[in-house]
C-alpha atoms as a PDB file:
ATOM      1  CA  MET A   1      -5.243 -37.141  -0.148  1.00  0.00           C
ATOM      2  CA  SER A   2      -6.100 -33.520  -0.824  1.00  0.00           C
ATOM      3  CA  ALA A   3      -3.731 -31.169  -2.564  1.00  0.00           C
ATOM      4  CA  GLY A   4      -3.963 -28.782   0.354  1.00  0.00           C
ATOM      5  CA  MET A   5      -4.364 -25.079   0.382  1.00  0.00           C
ATOM      6  CA  ARG A   6      -1.701 -22.797  -1.044  1.00  0.00           C
ATOM      7  CA  PHE A   7      -1.319 -19.109  -0.327  1.00  0.00           C
ATOM      8  CA  PRO A   8       0.224 -17.277  -3.316  1.00  0.00           C
ATOM      9  CA  VAL A   9       3.030 -15.574  -1.373  1.00  0.00           C
ATOM     10  CA  GLU A  10       4.942 -14.386  -4.425  1.00  0.00           C
ATOM     11  CA  ALA A  11       1.790 -13.010  -6.073  1.00  0.00           C
ATOM     12  CA  VAL A  12       0.968 -11.087  -2.888  1.00  0.00           C
ATOM     13  CA  ARG A  13       4.511  -9.683  -2.777  1.00  0.00           C
ATOM     14  CA  GLN A  14       4.234  -8.589  -6.413  1.00  0.00           C
ATOM     15  CA  HIS A  15       0.889  -6.962  -5.674  1.00  0.00           C
ATOM     16  CA  ALA A  16       2.410  -5.177  -2.666  1.00  0.00           C
ATOM     17  CA  THR A  17       5.157  -3.838  -4.931  1.00  0.00           C
ATOM     18  CA  ALA A  18       2.579  -2.594  -7.450  1.00  0.00           C
ATOM     19  CA  VAL A  19       0.516  -0.934  -4.706  1.00  0.00           C
ATOM     20  CA  GLY A  20       3.680   0.672  -3.308  1.00  0.00           C
ATOM     21  CA  GLU A  21       4.536   2.058  -6.749  1.00  0.00           C
ATOM     22  CA  VAL A  22       1.054   3.562  -7.076  1.00  0.00           C
ATOM     23  CA  ALA A  23       1.489   5.136  -3.623  1.00  0.00           C
ATOM     24  CA  GLU A  24       4.740   6.722  -4.800  1.00  0.00           C
ATOM     25  CA  GLN A  25       3.064   8.051  -7.953  1.00  0.00           C
ATOM     26  CA  MET A  26       0.231   9.493  -5.879  1.00  0.00           C
ATOM     27  CA  ALA A  27       2.811  11.145  -3.601  1.00  0.00           C
ATOM     28  CA  VAL A  28       4.339  12.803  -6.672  1.00  0.00           C
ATOM     29  CA  ALA A  29       0.886  14.017  -7.730  1.00  0.00           C
ATOM     30  CA  ARG A  30       0.300  15.351  -4.218  1.00  0.00           C
ATOM     31  CA  SER A  31       3.582  17.262  -4.367  1.00  0.00           C
ATOM     32  CA  ALA A  32       2.612  18.725  -7.729  1.00  0.00           C
ATOM     33  CA  VAL A  33      -0.740  19.922  -6.387  1.00  0.00           C
ATOM     34  CA  ARG A  34       1.043  21.703  -3.546  1.00  0.00           C
ATOM     35  CA  GLU A  35       3.442  23.407  -5.950  1.00  0.00           C
ATOM     36  CA  VAL A  36       0.915  24.525  -8.533  1.00  0.00           C
ATOM     37  CA  GLY A  37      -0.908  27.702  -7.762  1.00  0.00           C
ATOM     38  CA  MET A  38      -2.053  30.862  -9.392  1.00  0.00           C
ATOM     39  CA  ASP A  39      -2.363  34.239  -7.820  1.00  0.00           C
ATOM     40  CA  ARG A  40      -5.499  36.321  -8.188  1.00  0.00           C
ATOM     41  CA  GLN A  41      -3.965  38.315 -11.046  1.00  0.00           C
ATOM     42  CA  ALA A  42      -3.893  35.185 -13.221  1.00  0.00           C
ATOM     43  CA  TYR A  43      -7.682  35.134 -13.386  1.00  0.00           C
ATOM     44  CA  GLY A  44      -8.070  38.658 -14.732  1.00  0.00           C
ATOM     45  CA  GLU A  45     -10.445  41.376 -13.612  1.00  0.00           C
ATOM     46  CA  ILE A  46     -13.679  39.613 -14.462  1.00  0.00           C
ATOM     47  CA  CYS A  47     -12.841  36.304 -12.761  1.00  0.00           C
ATOM     48  CA  GLN A  48     -11.502  37.623  -9.445  1.00  0.00           C
ATOM     49  CA  PHE A  49     -14.146  35.552  -7.659  1.00  0.00           C
ATOM     50  CA  LEU A  50     -12.714  32.232  -8.924  1.00  0.00           C
ATOM     51  CA  PRO A  51      -9.850  31.819  -6.422  1.00  0.00           C
ATOM     52  CA  GLY A  52     -12.317  32.004  -3.554  1.00  0.00           C
ATOM     53  CA  LEU A  53     -14.373  29.245  -5.152  1.00  0.00           C
ATOM     54  CA  LEU A  54     -11.433  27.071  -6.174  1.00  0.00           C
ATOM     55  CA  GLU A  55      -9.275  27.224  -3.040  1.00  0.00           C
ATOM     56  CA  PRO A  56     -11.593  24.991  -0.966  1.00  0.00           C
ATOM     57  CA  LEU A  57     -11.765  22.549  -3.871  1.00  0.00           C
ATOM     58  CA  PHE A  58      -7.970  22.391  -4.147  1.00  0.00           C
ATOM     59  CA  GLY A  59      -7.679  22.029  -0.377  1.00  0.00           C
ATOM     60  CA  GLY A  60     -10.102  19.121  -0.471  1.00  0.00           C
ATOM     61  CA  ALA A  61      -8.167  17.541  -3.327  1.00  0.00           C
ATOM     62  CA  VAL A  62      -4.949  17.677  -1.294  1.00  0.00           C
ATOM     63  CA  GLU A  63      -6.729  16.040   1.657  1.00  0.00           C
ATOM     64  CA  VAL A  64      -8.025  13.262  -0.594  1.00  0.00           C
ATOM     65  CA  LEU A  65      -4.547  12.729  -2.048  1.00  0.00           C
ATOM     66  CA  ASN A  66      -3.065  12.612   1.458  1.00  0.00           C
ATOM     67  CA  GLY A  67      -5.571   9.954   2.455  1.00  0.00           C
ATOM     68  CA  ALA A  68      -4.973   7.968  -0.730  1.00  0.00           C
ATOM     69  CA  VAL A  69      -1.186   7.999  -0.311  1.00  0.00           C
ATOM     70  CA  ASP A  70      -1.478   6.947   3.328  1.00  0.00           C
ATOM     71  CA  ALA A  71      -3.982   4.179   2.565  1.00  0.00           C
ATOM     72  CA  LEU A  72      -1.975   2.808  -0.356  1.00  0.00           C
ATOM     73  CA  SER A  73       1.283   2.866   1.608  1.00  0.00           C
ATOM     74  CA  GLU A  74      -0.336   1.121   4.564  1.00  0.00           C
ATOM     75  CA  THR A  75      -1.942  -1.467   2.287  1.00  0.00           C
ATOM     76  CA  ALA A  76       1.393  -2.256   0.611  1.00  0.00           C
ATOM     77  CA  HIS A  77       3.034  -2.639   4.022  1.00  0.00           C
ATOM     78  CA  LYS A  78       0.278  -4.918   5.322  1.00  0.00           C
ATOM     79  CA  LEU A  79       0.441  -7.071   2.194  1.00  0.00           C
ATOM     80  CA  ARG A  80       4.195  -7.547   2.699  1.00  0.00           C
ATOM     81  CA  VAL A  81       3.734  -8.371   6.375  1.00  0.00           C
ATOM     82  CA  THR A  82       0.939 -10.832   5.578  1.00  0.00           C
ATOM     83  CA  ALA A  83       3.040 -12.623   2.960  1.00  0.00           C
ATOM     84  CA  ALA A  84       6.035 -12.843   5.315  1.00  0.00           C
ATOM     85  CA  THR A  85       3.910 -14.040   8.242  1.00  0.00           C
ATOM     86  CA  ILE A  86       2.165 -16.751   6.249  1.00  0.00           C
ATOM     87  CA  GLU A  87       5.434 -17.879   4.689  1.00  0.00           C
ATOM     88  CA  ALA A  88       7.057 -18.139   8.136  1.00  0.00           C
ATOM     89  CA  ALA A  89       4.045 -20.044   9.489  1.00  0.00           C
ATOM     90  CA  ASP A  90       4.239 -22.480   6.565  1.00  0.00           C
ATOM     91  CA  VAL A  91       7.952 -23.083   7.187  1.00  0.00           C
ATOM     92  CA  ASP A  92       7.335 -23.664  10.900  1.00  0.00           C
ATOM     93  CA  SER A  93       4.425 -26.022  10.194  1.00  0.00           C
ATOM     94  CA  ALA A  94       6.443 -27.984   7.643  1.00  0.00           C
ATOM     95  CA  ARG A  95       9.313 -28.307  10.112  1.00  0.00           C
ATOM     96  CA  GLY A  96       6.936 -29.531  12.817  1.00  0.00           C
ATOM     97  CA  LEU A  97       5.348 -32.099  10.511  1.00  0.00           C
ATOM     98  CA  THR A  98       8.741 -33.336   9.348  1.00  0.00           C
ATOM     99  CA  GLU A  99       9.928 -33.739  12.910  1.00  0.00           C
ATOM    100  CA  ALA A 100       6.706 -35.489  13.922  1.00  0.00           C
ATOM    101  CA  GLY A 101       7.082 -37.905  11.013  1.00  0.00           C
ATOM    102  CA  ARG A 102      10.499 -38.989  12.199  1.00  0.00           C
ATOM    103  CA  GLY A 103       9.131 -40.234  15.459  1.00  0.00           C
ATOM    104  CA  PRO A 104      10.797 -39.903  18.831  1.00  0.00           C
ATOM    105  CA  GLU A 105      14.558 -39.768  19.137  1.00  0.00           C
ATOM    106  CA  PRO A 106      16.046 -42.974  20.568  1.00  0.00           C
ATOM    107  CA  LEU A 107      17.064 -42.733  24.186  1.00  0.00           C
ATOM    108  CA  LEU A 108      20.704 -43.447  24.920  1.00  0.00           C
END
């Protein structure tokens, strides 16, 4: 008889937790990017052109961080849902097999 196939539910849950923590850390980084800024005076007279060059770059960085936070959060959620769904399916299948092994209930 084969050993069967096992889905590592607990490992998937742990991975979902780790992914969720990374999403939270990325959200903190995103917040920091939004808060950090320098006005044109910070660059001095010679480098007045820099803000115009850097603003699109910073805007793009915020968009990338937004996408990363969303993707990581969604991935963590889907991992949790997958683990719960497979665990529930395993419980239901085991119950069905146990009941089938008992045979039919005697008629009274």
